[in-house]
Protein backbone atom coordinates (compact mmCIF):
# COMPACT_ATOMS: atom_id res chain seq x y z
CA MET A 1 5.57 37.37 86.29
CA ARG A 2 1.82 38.91 86.18
CA THR A 3 1.00 37.67 82.67
CA LEU A 4 2.60 34.25 84.10
CA ILE A 5 0.22 34.57 86.89
CA MET A 6 -2.79 35.40 84.92
CA ILE A 7 -2.42 32.80 82.28
CA VAL A 8 -2.08 30.10 85.18
CA ALA A 9 -5.41 31.43 86.65
CA ALA A 10 -6.79 31.33 83.55
CA ALA A 11 -5.56 27.33 83.49
CA ALA A 12 -7.19 26.27 86.19
CA ALA A 13 -10.52 28.10 85.91
CA PHE A 14 -10.87 26.34 82.50
CA GLY A 15 -9.76 22.39 83.79
CA PHE A 16 -7.11 22.12 81.19
CA ALA A 17 -4.87 20.59 84.51
CA THR A 18 -7.78 17.59 85.12
CA GLN A 19 -7.82 16.99 81.60
CA HIS A 20 -6.14 13.39 80.54
CA THR A 21 -3.35 15.53 78.60
CA PRO A 22 0.34 13.65 79.49
CA ARG A 23 2.83 16.05 81.04
CA ALA A 24 5.08 13.77 79.66
CA GLN A 25 4.51 14.64 75.80
CA ALA A 26 5.32 18.92 77.32
CA SER A 27 7.96 17.99 79.19
CA GLU A 28 9.74 15.39 75.71
CA MET A 29 9.44 18.94 73.87
CA ALA A 30 12.20 20.33 76.26
CA VAL A 31 10.56 23.48 77.04
CA GLU A 32 12.47 26.13 78.64
CA SER A 33 9.71 28.35 80.04
CA PRO A 34 6.62 27.46 82.33
CA PHE A 35 4.83 30.13 80.25
CA THR A 36 5.57 27.76 77.30
CA ASP A 37 4.78 24.50 79.14
CA ALA A 38 1.22 26.15 80.66
CA LEU A 39 0.39 27.16 76.45
CA ILE A 40 1.55 23.82 75.48
CA GLN A 41 -0.79 21.88 78.00
CA ASP A 42 -3.37 23.89 76.75
CA VAL A 43 -3.32 24.00 73.37
CA ALA A 44 -2.92 19.93 73.82
CA THR A 45 -6.46 20.16 75.74
CA LEU A 46 -7.82 22.20 73.18
CA GLU A 47 -6.70 20.10 70.21
CA SER A 48 -8.11 17.32 72.26
CA LYS A 49 -11.13 19.02 72.42
CA LEU A 50 -11.32 20.29 68.73
CA VAL A 51 -10.73 16.98 67.42
CA SER A 52 -12.93 15.27 69.92
CA LEU A 53 -16.17 17.82 68.75
CA ALA A 54 -15.24 17.73 65.06
CA GLU A 55 -15.57 13.57 64.83
CA ALA A 56 -18.46 14.12 67.31
CA MET A 57 -20.29 16.43 64.18
CA PRO A 58 -21.76 14.38 61.67
CA PRO A 59 -21.72 16.30 58.24
CA GLU A 60 -24.71 18.32 58.29
CA ALA A 61 -23.61 19.66 61.16
CA LEU A 62 -20.19 20.70 59.57
CA ASP A 63 -22.30 21.88 56.91
CA TRP A 64 -24.08 24.68 59.66
CA ARG A 65 -23.85 27.91 59.90
CA PRO A 66 -25.98 30.33 62.16
CA GLY A 67 -27.15 32.43 59.55
CA GLU A 68 -25.58 33.88 56.26
CA GLY A 69 -22.27 35.02 55.65
CA VAL A 70 -21.11 33.35 59.18
CA LEU A 71 -18.30 30.59 59.12
CA SER A 72 -19.83 26.99 58.98
CA GLY A 73 -18.44 24.61 61.91
CA SER A 74 -16.00 22.76 58.90
CA GLU A 75 -15.05 26.47 57.88
CA VAL A 76 -14.25 26.97 61.43
CA LEU A 77 -12.64 24.54 61.96
CA MET A 78 -10.62 24.84 58.58
CA HIS A 79 -9.61 29.15 59.71
CA ILE A 80 -8.42 27.56 63.42
CA ALA A 81 -6.08 25.06 61.41
CA ALA A 82 -4.96 28.08 59.24
CA TYR A 83 -4.13 30.33 61.58
CA ASN A 84 -2.08 26.95 63.59
CA TYR A 85 0.45 27.88 61.18
CA TYR A 86 0.09 31.90 60.04
CA TYR A 87 -0.17 32.99 64.30
CA PRO A 88 3.47 30.96 65.09
CA SER A 89 4.48 33.05 62.34
CA MET A 90 4.69 36.38 63.33
CA ALA A 91 6.03 34.87 66.63
CA GLY A 92 9.06 33.49 64.87
CA ALA A 93 8.49 30.08 64.40
CA ALA A 94 8.70 28.88 60.82
CA ILE A 95 5.92 27.34 58.58
CA PRO A 96 6.07 24.18 57.59
CA ALA A 97 7.13 24.23 53.45
CA GLY A 98 3.89 22.30 51.59
CA ALA A 99 2.09 23.55 54.99
CA GLY A 100 -0.19 25.83 52.75
CA VAL A 101 0.24 28.75 54.20
CA THR A 102 2.85 31.41 53.75
CA SER A 103 4.04 34.41 55.67
CA ASP A 104 1.45 35.95 52.70
CA TYR A 105 -2.10 35.96 54.09
CA ALA A 106 -3.81 35.48 50.73
CA THR A 107 -2.40 31.78 51.50
CA VAL A 108 -4.52 31.23 55.08
CA SER A 109 -7.56 32.45 52.97
CA ALA A 110 -6.62 29.45 49.76
CA PHE A 111 -5.73 27.27 52.48
CA GLU A 112 -9.55 27.93 54.88
CA ASN A 113 -11.58 27.60 50.81
CA THR A 114 -9.74 24.65 49.87
CA GLU A 115 -12.38 21.70 49.48
CA ARG A 116 -11.84 18.79 51.34
CA THR A 117 -13.24 15.63 52.50
CA ARG A 118 -14.44 15.31 56.33
CA ARG A 119 -10.97 12.50 56.63
CA GLU A 120 -8.67 15.76 54.76
CA MET A 121 -10.16 18.50 57.43
CA LEU A 122 -9.42 16.77 60.57
CA GLY A 123 -5.97 15.72 58.59
CA ALA A 124 -5.34 19.45 58.40
CA LEU A 125 -6.56 20.10 61.71
CA GLN A 126 -4.47 17.76 63.17
CA ALA A 127 -1.17 18.77 61.66
CA SER A 128 -1.81 22.43 62.20
CA PHE A 129 -1.84 21.24 66.08
CA ASP A 130 1.37 19.12 65.46
CA HIS A 131 3.24 22.46 63.82
CA LEU A 132 1.20 24.61 66.80
CA LYS A 133 2.36 22.28 70.01
CA ALA A 134 6.56 21.86 67.77
CA SER A 135 6.99 25.71 67.50
CA VAL A 136 5.50 26.54 71.38
CA ALA A 137 7.95 24.31 72.40
CA ALA A 138 10.61 25.43 70.53
CA VAL A 139 10.13 28.87 72.04
CA THR A 140 12.39 30.07 75.15
CA ALA A 141 12.31 31.97 78.07
CA GLU A 142 14.89 34.32 76.11
CA GLN A 143 12.82 35.09 73.63
CA LEU A 144 9.40 35.71 74.76
CA ASP A 145 10.55 39.66 76.02
CA ASP A 146 11.24 39.70 71.50
CA ASP A 147 9.60 42.15 69.96
CA THR A 148 7.49 41.04 66.95
CA GLU A 149 4.44 42.45 64.86
CA VAL A 150 1.30 41.08 64.52
CA PHE A 151 -1.22 42.58 62.59
CA GLY A 152 0.78 45.58 62.01
CA ARG A 153 1.10 46.19 65.81
CA SER A 154 3.93 46.17 67.95
CA THR A 155 3.82 43.58 70.22
CA THR A 156 6.54 40.80 72.16
CA VAL A 157 6.43 37.24 71.39
CA GLN A 158 4.88 35.62 74.64
CA ALA A 159 2.02 38.23 73.09
CA ALA A 160 1.88 36.87 70.36
CA TRP A 161 1.65 33.37 71.72
CA PHE A 162 -1.26 34.19 74.23
CA GLY A 163 -2.83 36.48 71.33
CA THR A 164 -2.49 32.64 69.57
CA VAL A 165 -4.06 30.11 72.43
CA THR A 166 -6.77 32.93 73.22
CA HIS A 167 -7.95 32.85 69.44
CA ILE A 168 -7.97 29.22 69.81
CA HIS A 169 -9.97 28.94 72.10
CA GLU A 170 -12.94 31.85 71.05
CA HIS A 171 -13.78 29.55 67.94
CA LEU A 172 -13.62 26.15 70.61
CA GLY A 173 -16.39 27.98 72.18
CA GLN A 174 -17.96 28.88 68.65
CA LEU A 175 -18.13 25.17 68.22
CA ILE A 176 -19.58 24.31 70.96
CA ALA A 177 -22.28 26.73 70.04
CA TYR A 178 -22.99 25.17 66.89
CA ALA A 179 -23.03 21.86 68.18
CA ARG A 180 -25.55 22.61 70.93
CA SER A 181 -27.60 24.16 68.76
CA ASN A 182 -27.83 20.80 66.64
CA ASP A 183 -28.03 19.19 69.52
CA ILE A 184 -25.22 17.57 69.51
CA THR A 185 -23.26 17.49 73.11
CA PRO A 186 -19.23 18.04 73.25
CA PRO A 187 -17.74 14.70 74.23
CA TRP A 188 -16.16 15.74 77.16
CA SER A 189 -18.75 17.48 79.37
CA MET A 190 -21.54 14.28 79.14
């Protein structure tokens, strides 16, 4: 219960409940837990912001990196997409065949480093969010307390899902900084 209260409070602080993300989408997925319901809404907001930001960034901004050895904007987007498959697998979700990522961590790096056109990059990002939303929606309240392992550490399925969306929030913030460093205003803040 304490975790649920923290998630709801965090969601309110970030204002995701005020976004134009239809709640009906979550209910159509037969969510059985307030936690997963909140995650689905949060993921939908993250998806909307990341896709709109990626679309607003011209190619030179997507190629920009703040320093040597640091991911570029497009590399950050593909990192998010790869982990939208990989993180759910650690919480028990099956990765779809042909996604380009498997439970073998080496495929995450290969996915991230695959050359893509802008259109292919946006398509890969969208497909990864479709998978992520469906994976969250499939989790039942009973499964949230199940044990799992994330990067060699024992945890619960609920904590693994919380880590999944925290990871995306971290990289959304990174991309906002990249955009603003290139004089691009995030579309939702205009």
